[in-house]
Amino acid sequence: GYLEADPSLDVGGIDAGHKLAILVALAFGTKIDFDAIHIEGIERISIEDIEQAADMGFRIKLLGVAQRTGHGIEARMSPCLVPADSPLGQLEGASNMIVLEGDSVGQVVLQGAGAGAGPTASAIIGDVCDLARGSARPVFGRPASELAVAKRTEGAAPAAYYLRMQLVDRPGALAKIAAVLGDAGISINRMRQYRHTEATAPVLIVTHEARQEALDTAIADMDGTGVLASAPVAIRIERV
């Protein structure tokens, strides 16, 4: 996609988070609540993550996800691994995509240009024409004063995670990391070491589905093992 001259809002996921807040209000008839959205940017994503994800059949996308659960509305903006052969995985350039999922209809995919002179001008002229025709109507289908306050959820729905870390090259280092994950109730799906050096051992772990809170606890506990050479990078895997 395109970046502004000051890219911090784009790279930090904040600009996309603003758009997700509007989409949540449109989808669920709730007041816009930007503070309720968990936002994580792409600052920690490296070319190494992109290459390793591709090797496993995934691509990394900055993804906004909103869903109604039994506990309220969960909304988050964060980098995710998606299958490379999925509609989102094949999205390129400055195109935007919305995937709607319903109990009966299944998935509905909407795709179109999301930036650039032409798309921006078209959207503005469309609004001007609506105003000139007198066809303006409430953006959310009802007056903003009638929108409900969304109930926030605590934590995210369980998902598999990609973990990349550098370990000190010593006997038992990997066993300590596996033990920390096990203590947090997180099961390992697959694991690999690659580009081994004399001092450190890069390790890639893909977990089975786990709660975000459990993963956060495990990553915090890894600091106490004495075997981390760098902070772990965790990326959620979305099966879309």
C-alpha atoms as a PDB file:
ATOM      1  CA  GLY A   1       0.000   0.000   0.000  1.00  0.00           C
ATOM      2  CA  TYR A   2       0.899   3.689   0.150  1.00  0.00           C
ATOM      3  CA  LEU A   3       2.531   5.487   3.078  1.00  0.00           C
ATOM      4  CA  GLU A   4       2.163   9.111   4.132  1.00  0.00           C
ATOM      5  CA  ALA A   5       5.233  11.362   4.390  1.00  0.00           C
ATOM      6  CA  ASP A   6       5.090  10.574   8.124  1.00  0.00           C
ATOM      7  CA  PRO A   7       4.451   6.808   7.996  1.00  0.00           C
ATOM      8  CA  SER A   8       3.917   6.284  11.739  1.00  0.00           C
ATOM      9  CA  LEU A   9       0.101   6.136  11.520  1.00  0.00           C
ATOM     10  CA  ASP A  10       0.293   3.566   8.707  1.00  0.00           C
ATOM     11  CA  VAL A  11       3.142   1.414  10.040  1.00  0.00           C
ATOM     12  CA  GLY A  12       1.703   1.534  13.562  1.00  0.00           C
ATOM     13  CA  GLY A  13      -1.700   0.282  12.390  1.00  0.00           C
ATOM     14  CA  ILE A  14      -3.410   3.416  13.729  1.00  0.00           C
ATOM     15  CA  ASP A  15      -4.838   4.668  10.424  1.00  0.00           C
ATOM     16  CA  ALA A  16      -6.261   1.219   9.645  1.00  0.00           C
ATOM     17  CA  GLY A  17      -7.528   1.038  13.241  1.00  0.00           C
ATOM     18  CA  HIS A  18      -9.557   4.217  12.686  1.00  0.00           C
ATOM     19  CA  LYS A  19     -11.176   2.591   9.649  1.00  0.00           C
ATOM     20  CA  LEU A  20     -11.893  -0.591  11.609  1.00  0.00           C
ATOM     21  CA  ALA A  21     -13.636   1.465  14.318  1.00  0.00           C
ATOM     22  CA  ILE A  22     -15.980   2.885  11.656  1.00  0.00           C
ATOM     23  CA  LEU A  23     -16.617  -0.562  10.155  1.00  0.00           C
ATOM     24  CA  VAL A  24     -17.461  -1.969  13.602  1.00  0.00           C
ATOM     25  CA  ALA A  25     -20.043   0.801  14.066  1.00  0.00           C
ATOM     26  CA  LEU A  26     -21.531   0.093  10.624  1.00  0.00           C
ATOM     27  CA  ALA A  27     -21.618  -3.684  11.106  1.00  0.00           C
ATOM     28  CA  PHE A  28     -22.968  -3.838  14.656  1.00  0.00           C
ATOM     29  CA  GLY A  29     -24.841  -0.540  15.054  1.00  0.00           C
ATOM     30  CA  THR A  30     -22.629   0.672  17.890  1.00  0.00           C
ATOM     31  CA  LYS A  31     -20.953   3.955  18.731  1.00  0.00           C
ATOM     32  CA  ILE A  32     -17.460   4.457  17.326  1.00  0.00           C
ATOM     33  CA  ASP A  33     -14.988   3.457  20.042  1.00  0.00           C
ATOM     34  CA  PHE A  34     -11.403   3.601  18.829  1.00  0.00           C
ATOM     35  CA  ASP A  35     -10.071   2.938  22.342  1.00  0.00           C
ATOM     36  CA  ALA A  36     -11.802  -0.467  22.363  1.00  0.00           C
ATOM     37  CA  ILE A  37      -9.656  -1.735  19.482  1.00  0.00           C
ATOM     38  CA  HIS A  38      -6.455  -3.622  20.216  1.00  0.00           C
ATOM     39  CA  ILE A  39      -3.855  -2.168  17.838  1.00  0.00           C
ATOM     40  CA  GLU A  40      -0.478  -3.606  16.916  1.00  0.00           C
ATOM     41  CA  GLY A  41       1.610  -2.309  14.018  1.00  0.00           C
ATOM     42  CA  ILE A  42       4.119  -3.977  11.728  1.00  0.00           C
ATOM     43  CA  GLU A  43       7.241  -2.418  13.254  1.00  0.00           C
ATOM     44  CA  ARG A  44       8.595  -5.751  14.515  1.00  0.00           C
ATOM     45  CA  ILE A  45       7.959  -7.680  11.288  1.00  0.00           C
ATOM     46  CA  SER A  46      11.231  -8.462   9.494  1.00  0.00           C
ATOM     47  CA  ILE A  47      12.116  -9.824   6.075  1.00  0.00           C
ATOM     48  CA  GLU A  48      12.963 -13.017   7.936  1.00  0.00           C
ATOM     49  CA  ASP A  49       9.342 -13.345   9.091  1.00  0.00           C
ATOM     50  CA  ILE A  50       8.094 -12.741   5.547  1.00  0.00           C
ATOM     51  CA  GLU A  51      10.416 -15.424   4.154  1.00  0.00           C
ATOM     52  CA  GLN A  52       9.613 -17.991   6.847  1.00  0.00           C
ATOM     53  CA  ALA A  53       5.869 -17.383   6.489  1.00  0.00           C
ATOM     54  CA  ALA A  54       6.094 -17.871   2.717  1.00  0.00           C
ATOM     55  CA  ASP A  55       8.008 -21.118   3.233  1.00  0.00           C
ATOM     56  CA  MET A  56       5.085 -22.400   5.328  1.00  0.00           C
ATOM     57  CA  GLY A  57       2.462 -21.322   2.776  1.00  0.00           C
ATOM     58  CA  PHE A  58       1.437 -18.060   4.457  1.00  0.00           C
ATOM     59  CA  ARG A  59       1.637 -14.336   3.797  1.00  0.00           C
ATOM     60  CA  ILE A  60       1.722 -11.600   6.436  1.00  0.00           C
ATOM     61  CA  LYS A  61      -1.060  -8.997   6.278  1.00  0.00           C
ATOM     62  CA  LEU A  62      -2.032  -6.126   8.570  1.00  0.00           C
ATOM     63  CA  LEU A  63      -5.511  -7.384   9.345  1.00  0.00           C
ATOM     64  CA  GLY A  64      -8.492  -5.802  11.072  1.00  0.00           C
ATOM     65  CA  VAL A  65     -10.830  -8.363  12.637  1.00  0.00           C
ATOM     66  CA  ALA A  66     -14.147  -7.662  14.350  1.00  0.00           C
ATOM     67  CA  GLN A  67     -16.606 -10.260  15.576  1.00  0.00           C
ATOM     68  CA  ARG A  68     -19.524 -10.475  17.960  1.00  0.00           C
ATOM     69  CA  THR A  69     -19.026 -13.097  20.657  1.00  0.00           C
ATOM     70  CA  GLY A  70     -21.063 -14.223  23.633  1.00  0.00           C
ATOM     71  CA  HIS A  71     -19.074 -11.753  25.737  1.00  0.00           C
ATOM     72  CA  GLY A  72     -19.326  -8.696  23.473  1.00  0.00           C
ATOM     73  CA  ILE A  73     -17.553  -7.352  20.390  1.00  0.00           C
ATOM     74  CA  GLU A  74     -13.915  -8.264  19.804  1.00  0.00           C
ATOM     75  CA  ALA A  75     -12.020  -5.857  17.535  1.00  0.00           C
ATOM     76  CA  ARG A  76      -8.302  -5.879  16.790  1.00  0.00           C
ATOM     77  CA  MET A  77      -5.860  -4.577  14.212  1.00  0.00           C
ATOM     78  CA  SER A  78      -2.620  -6.536  13.989  1.00  0.00           C
ATOM     79  CA  PRO A  79      -0.286  -8.322  11.575  1.00  0.00           C
ATOM     80  CA  CYS A  80      -1.487 -11.873  10.919  1.00  0.00           C
ATOM     81  CA  LEU A  81      -0.422 -14.881   8.901  1.00  0.00           C
ATOM     82  CA  VAL A  82      -3.061 -15.848   6.331  1.00  0.00           C
ATOM     83  CA  PRO A  83      -2.958 -18.741   3.826  1.00  0.00           C
ATOM     84  CA  ALA A  84      -1.164 -17.604   0.672  1.00  0.00           C
ATOM     85  CA  ASP A  85      -3.891 -19.072  -1.546  1.00  0.00           C
ATOM     86  CA  SER A  86      -6.754 -17.316   0.283  1.00  0.00           C
ATOM     87  CA  PRO A  87      -8.379 -14.121  -1.088  1.00  0.00           C
ATOM     88  CA  LEU A  88      -6.594 -12.048   1.564  1.00  0.00           C
ATOM     89  CA  GLY A  89      -3.323 -13.845   0.895  1.00  0.00           C
ATOM     90  CA  GLN A  90      -3.496 -12.919  -2.787  1.00  0.00           C
ATOM     91  CA  LEU A  91      -4.286  -9.240  -2.160  1.00  0.00           C
ATOM     92  CA  GLU A  92      -1.612  -6.942  -3.619  1.00  0.00           C
ATOM     93  CA  GLY A  93      -0.616  -3.275  -3.635  1.00  0.00           C
ATOM     94  CA  ALA A  94      -2.997  -0.588  -2.389  1.00  0.00           C
ATOM     95  CA  SER A  95      -6.124  -2.714  -2.796  1.00  0.00           C
ATOM     96  CA  ASN A  96      -8.480  -3.122   0.151  1.00  0.00           C
ATOM     97  CA  MET A  97     -10.569  -6.161   0.960  1.00  0.00           C
ATOM     98  CA  ILE A  98     -13.436  -6.817   3.352  1.00  0.00           C
ATOM     99  CA  VAL A  99     -14.442 -10.398   4.159  1.00  0.00           C
ATOM    100  CA  LEU A 100     -17.921 -10.713   5.678  1.00  0.00           C
ATOM    101  CA  GLU A 101     -18.901 -14.010   7.273  1.00  0.00           C
ATOM    102  CA  GLY A 102     -22.432 -15.033   8.210  1.00  0.00           C
ATOM    103  CA  ASP A 103     -23.934 -18.175   9.702  1.00  0.00           C
ATOM    104  CA  SER A 104     -26.010 -18.949   6.604  1.00  0.00           C
ATOM    105  CA  VAL A 105     -24.375 -17.047   3.745  1.00  0.00           C
ATOM    106  CA  GLY A 106     -20.784 -18.049   4.540  1.00  0.00           C
ATOM    107  CA  GLN A 107     -18.073 -15.690   3.283  1.00  0.00           C
ATOM    108  CA  VAL A 108     -18.734 -12.636   1.111  1.00  0.00           C
ATOM    109  CA  VAL A 109     -15.597 -10.939  -0.253  1.00  0.00           C
ATOM    110  CA  LEU A 110     -15.531  -7.278  -1.340  1.00  0.00           C
ATOM    111  CA  GLN A 111     -12.370  -5.938  -2.993  1.00  0.00           C
ATOM    112  CA  GLY A 112     -11.415  -2.602  -4.525  1.00  0.00           C
ATOM    113  CA  ALA A 113      -8.827   0.143  -4.808  1.00  0.00           C
ATOM    114  CA  GLY A 114      -8.107   1.670  -1.417  1.00  0.00           C
ATOM    115  CA  ALA A 115      -5.796   4.582  -2.218  1.00  0.00           C
ATOM    116  CA  GLY A 116      -4.549   6.813  -5.005  1.00  0.00           C
ATOM    117  CA  ALA A 117      -5.755   9.892  -6.850  1.00  0.00           C
ATOM    118  CA  GLY A 118      -8.555   8.205  -8.810  1.00  0.00           C
ATOM    119  CA  PRO A 119     -10.225   6.229  -5.992  1.00  0.00           C
ATOM    120  CA  THR A 120     -10.007   9.183  -3.580  1.00  0.00           C
ATOM    121  CA  ALA A 121     -11.458  11.648  -6.096  1.00  0.00           C
ATOM    122  CA  SER A 122     -14.244   9.208  -7.001  1.00  0.00           C
ATOM    123  CA  ALA A 123     -15.299   8.824  -3.357  1.00  0.00           C
ATOM    124  CA  ILE A 124     -15.334  12.593  -2.780  1.00  0.00           C
ATOM    125  CA  ILE A 125     -17.294  13.353  -5.960  1.00  0.00           C
ATOM    126  CA  GLY A 126     -19.782  10.623  -5.043  1.00  0.00           C
ATOM    127  CA  ASP A 127     -20.448  12.322  -1.695  1.00  0.00           C
ATOM    128  CA  VAL A 128     -20.765  15.742  -3.361  1.00  0.00           C
ATOM    129  CA  CYS A 129     -23.288  14.337  -5.867  1.00  0.00           C
ATOM    130  CA  ASP A 130     -25.356  12.814  -3.046  1.00  0.00           C
ATOM    131  CA  LEU A 131     -25.460  16.169  -1.273  1.00  0.00           C
ATOM    132  CA  ALA A 132     -26.413  17.982  -4.501  1.00  0.00           C
ATOM    133  CA  ARG A 133     -29.307  15.549  -5.053  1.00  0.00           C
ATOM    134  CA  GLY A 134     -30.448  15.934  -1.467  1.00  0.00           C
ATOM    135  CA  SER A 135     -30.047  12.194  -0.928  1.00  0.00           C
ATOM    136  CA  ALA A 136     -27.874  12.460   2.177  1.00  0.00           C
ATOM    137  CA  ARG A 137     -28.856  10.023   4.924  1.00  0.00           C
ATOM    138  CA  PRO A 138     -27.414   8.998   8.292  1.00  0.00           C
ATOM    139  CA  VAL A 139     -24.054   7.332   7.741  1.00  0.00           C
ATOM    140  CA  PHE A 140     -24.871   4.471  10.103  1.00  0.00           C
ATOM    141  CA  GLY A 141     -28.478   4.060   8.960  1.00  0.00           C
ATOM    142  CA  ARG A 142     -29.739   5.919  12.019  1.00  0.00           C
ATOM    143  CA  PRO A 143     -28.821   9.091  13.935  1.00  0.00           C
ATOM    144  CA  ALA A 144     -25.520   8.785  15.786  1.00  0.00           C
ATOM    145  CA  SER A 145     -27.324   9.552  19.058  1.00  0.00           C
ATOM    146  CA  GLU A 146     -29.261   6.283  18.700  1.00  0.00           C
ATOM    147  CA  LEU A 147     -26.199   4.054  18.343  1.00  0.00           C
ATOM    148  CA  ALA A 148     -25.619   1.642  21.216  1.00  0.00           C
ATOM    149  CA  VAL A 149     -22.470   1.532  23.319  1.00  0.00           C
ATOM    150  CA  ALA A 150     -20.517  -1.597  22.389  1.00  0.00           C
ATOM    151  CA  LYS A 151     -19.668  -4.081  25.112  1.00  0.00           C
ATOM    152  CA  ARG A 152     -15.943  -4.814  25.017  1.00  0.00           C
ATOM    153  CA  THR A 153     -14.545  -8.317  25.298  1.00  0.00           C
ATOM    154  CA  GLU A 154     -11.549  -9.218  27.412  1.00  0.00           C
ATOM    155  CA  GLY A 155      -8.861 -10.907  25.315  1.00  0.00           C
ATOM    156  CA  ALA A 156      -9.061 -12.421  21.844  1.00  0.00           C
ATOM    157  CA  ALA A 157     -10.558 -15.646  20.547  1.00  0.00           C
ATOM    158  CA  PRO A 158      -8.088 -18.578  20.624  1.00  0.00           C
ATOM    159  CA  ALA A 159      -5.830 -18.944  17.584  1.00  0.00           C
ATOM    160  CA  ALA A 160      -2.622 -20.606  16.474  1.00  0.00           C
ATOM    161  CA  TYR A 161       0.510 -18.451  16.670  1.00  0.00           C
ATOM    162  CA  TYR A 162       3.821 -18.135  14.863  1.00  0.00           C
ATOM    163  CA  LEU A 163       6.770 -17.522  17.216  1.00  0.00           C
ATOM    164  CA  ARG A 164      10.275 -16.541  16.124  1.00  0.00           C
ATOM    165  CA  MET A 165      13.144 -16.159  18.566  1.00  0.00           C
ATOM    166  CA  GLN A 166      16.917 -16.337  18.887  1.00  0.00           C
ATOM    167  CA  LEU A 167      18.182 -18.730  21.559  1.00  0.00           C
ATOM    168  CA  VAL A 168      21.607 -18.922  23.134  1.00  0.00           C
ATOM    169  CA  ASP A 169      23.307 -22.002  21.696  1.00  0.00           C
ATOM    170  CA  ARG A 170      23.595 -24.227  24.747  1.00  0.00           C
ATOM    171  CA  PRO A 171      22.256 -27.670  25.725  1.00  0.00           C
ATOM    172  CA  GLY A 172      18.702 -27.608  27.063  1.00  0.00           C
ATOM    173  CA  ALA A 173      17.834 -24.141  25.715  1.00  0.00           C
ATOM    174  CA  LEU A 174      15.021 -25.370  23.505  1.00  0.00           C
ATOM    175  CA  ALA A 175      13.706 -27.641  26.261  1.00  0.00           C
ATOM    176  CA  LYS A 176      13.332 -24.629  28.572  1.00  0.00           C
ATOM    177  CA  ILE A 177      11.250 -22.759  25.990  1.00  0.00           C
ATOM    178  CA  ALA A 178       9.075 -25.822  25.385  1.00  0.00           C
ATOM    179  CA  ALA A 179       8.561 -26.193  29.141  1.00  0.00           C
ATOM    180  CA  VAL A 180       7.454 -22.556  29.497  1.00  0.00           C
ATOM    181  CA  LEU A 181       4.918 -23.011  26.700  1.00  0.00           C
ATOM    182  CA  GLY A 182       3.681 -26.249  28.270  1.00  0.00           C
ATOM    183  CA  ASP A 183       3.289 -24.601  31.680  1.00  0.00           C
ATOM    184  CA  ALA A 184       1.088 -21.958  30.011  1.00  0.00           C
ATOM    185  CA  GLY A 185      -1.068 -24.681  28.454  1.00  0.00           C
ATOM    186  CA  ILE A 186       0.255 -24.065  24.934  1.00  0.00           C
ATOM    187  CA  SER A 187       0.900 -27.055  22.669  1.00  0.00           C
ATOM    188  CA  ILE A 188       3.529 -26.962  19.896  1.00  0.00           C
ATOM    189  CA  ASN A 189       2.356 -27.890  16.403  1.00  0.00           C
ATOM    190  CA  ARG A 190       5.725 -27.697  14.635  1.00  0.00           C
ATOM    191  CA  MET A 191       9.179 -26.319  15.229  1.00  0.00           C
ATOM    192  CA  ARG A 192      12.385 -25.745  13.277  1.00  0.00           C
ATOM    193  CA  GLN A 193      15.900 -24.363  13.645  1.00  0.00           C
ATOM    194  CA  TYR A 194      17.562 -22.573  10.733  1.00  0.00           C
ATOM    195  CA  ARG A 195      20.675 -20.530   9.851  1.00  0.00           C
ATOM    196  CA  HIS A 196      22.461 -21.753  12.949  1.00  0.00           C
ATOM    197  CA  THR A 197      25.519 -19.748  14.080  1.00  0.00           C
ATOM    198  CA  GLU A 198      28.165 -20.497  16.691  1.00  0.00           C
ATOM    199  CA  ALA A 199      26.577 -18.247  19.312  1.00  0.00           C
ATOM    200  CA  THR A 200      22.830 -18.349  18.660  1.00  0.00           C
ATOM    201  CA  ALA A 201      20.190 -20.657  17.255  1.00  0.00           C
ATOM    202  CA  PRO A 202      17.202 -19.097  15.442  1.00  0.00           C
ATOM    203  CA  VAL A 203      14.049 -21.047  16.317  1.00  0.00           C
ATOM    204  CA  LEU A 204      10.622 -20.966  14.689  1.00  0.00           C
ATOM    205  CA  ILE A 205       7.608 -22.395  16.543  1.00  0.00           C
ATOM    206  CA  VAL A 206       4.004 -22.731  15.369  1.00  0.00           C
ATOM    207  CA  THR A 207       1.548 -23.444  18.172  1.00  0.00           C
ATOM    208  CA  HIS A 208      -1.820 -25.102  18.239  1.00  0.00           C
ATOM    209  CA  GLU A 209      -4.725 -22.821  19.149  1.00  0.00           C
ATOM    210  CA  ALA A 210      -4.047 -20.883  22.331  1.00  0.00           C
ATOM    211  CA  ARG A 211      -5.458 -17.931  24.237  1.00  0.00           C
ATOM    212  CA  GLN A 212      -3.708 -14.585  23.798  1.00  0.00           C
ATOM    213  CA  GLU A 213      -3.440 -14.221  27.580  1.00  0.00           C
ATOM    214  CA  ALA A 214      -1.653 -17.577  27.863  1.00  0.00           C
ATOM    215  CA  LEU A 215       0.784 -16.616  25.117  1.00  0.00           C
ATOM    216  CA  ASP A 216       1.526 -13.251  26.748  1.00  0.00           C
ATOM    217  CA  THR A 217       2.249 -15.049  30.026  1.00  0.00           C
ATOM    218  CA  ALA A 218       4.541 -17.552  28.310  1.00  0.00           C
ATOM    219  CA  ILE A 219       6.512 -14.841  26.485  1.00  0.00           C
ATOM    220  CA  ALA A 220       6.966 -12.921  29.745  1.00  0.00           C
ATOM    221  CA  ASP A 221       8.160 -16.097  31.507  1.00  0.00           C
ATOM    222  CA  MET A 222      10.675 -16.816  28.730  1.00  0.00           C
ATOM    223  CA  ASP A 223      12.694 -13.822  29.937  1.00  0.00           C
ATOM    224  CA  GLY A 224      13.493 -15.729  33.116  1.00  0.00           C
ATOM    225  CA  THR A 225      14.906 -18.792  31.352  1.00  0.00           C
ATOM    226  CA  GLY A 226      18.249 -17.162  30.538  1.00  0.00           C
ATOM    227  CA  VAL A 227      18.289 -18.668  27.040  1.00  0.00           C
ATOM    228  CA  LEU A 228      16.781 -15.835  24.959  1.00  0.00           C
ATOM    229  CA  ALA A 229      19.233 -13.931  22.769  1.00  0.00           C
ATOM    230  CA  SER A 230      16.466 -11.631  21.455  1.00  0.00           C
ATOM    231  CA  ALA A 231      12.846 -10.871  22.253  1.00  0.00           C
ATOM    232  CA  PRO A 232      10.367 -13.310  20.657  1.00  0.00           C
ATOM    233  CA  VAL A 233       8.144 -12.140  17.806  1.00  0.00           C
ATOM    234  CA  ALA A 234       4.579 -13.507  17.941  1.00  0.00           C
ATOM    235  CA  ILE A 235       2.143 -13.307  15.015  1.00  0.00           C
ATOM    236  CA  ARG A 236      -1.421 -14.579  15.074  1.00  0.00           C
ATOM    237  CA  ILE A 237      -2.482 -17.067  12.363  1.00  0.00           C
ATOM    238  CA  GLU A 238      -5.915 -16.413  10.835  1.00  0.00           C
ATOM    239  CA  ARG A 239      -7.537 -19.199   8.801  1.00  0.00           C
ATOM    240  CA  VAL A 240      -9.582 -17.023   6.443  1.00  0.00           C
END
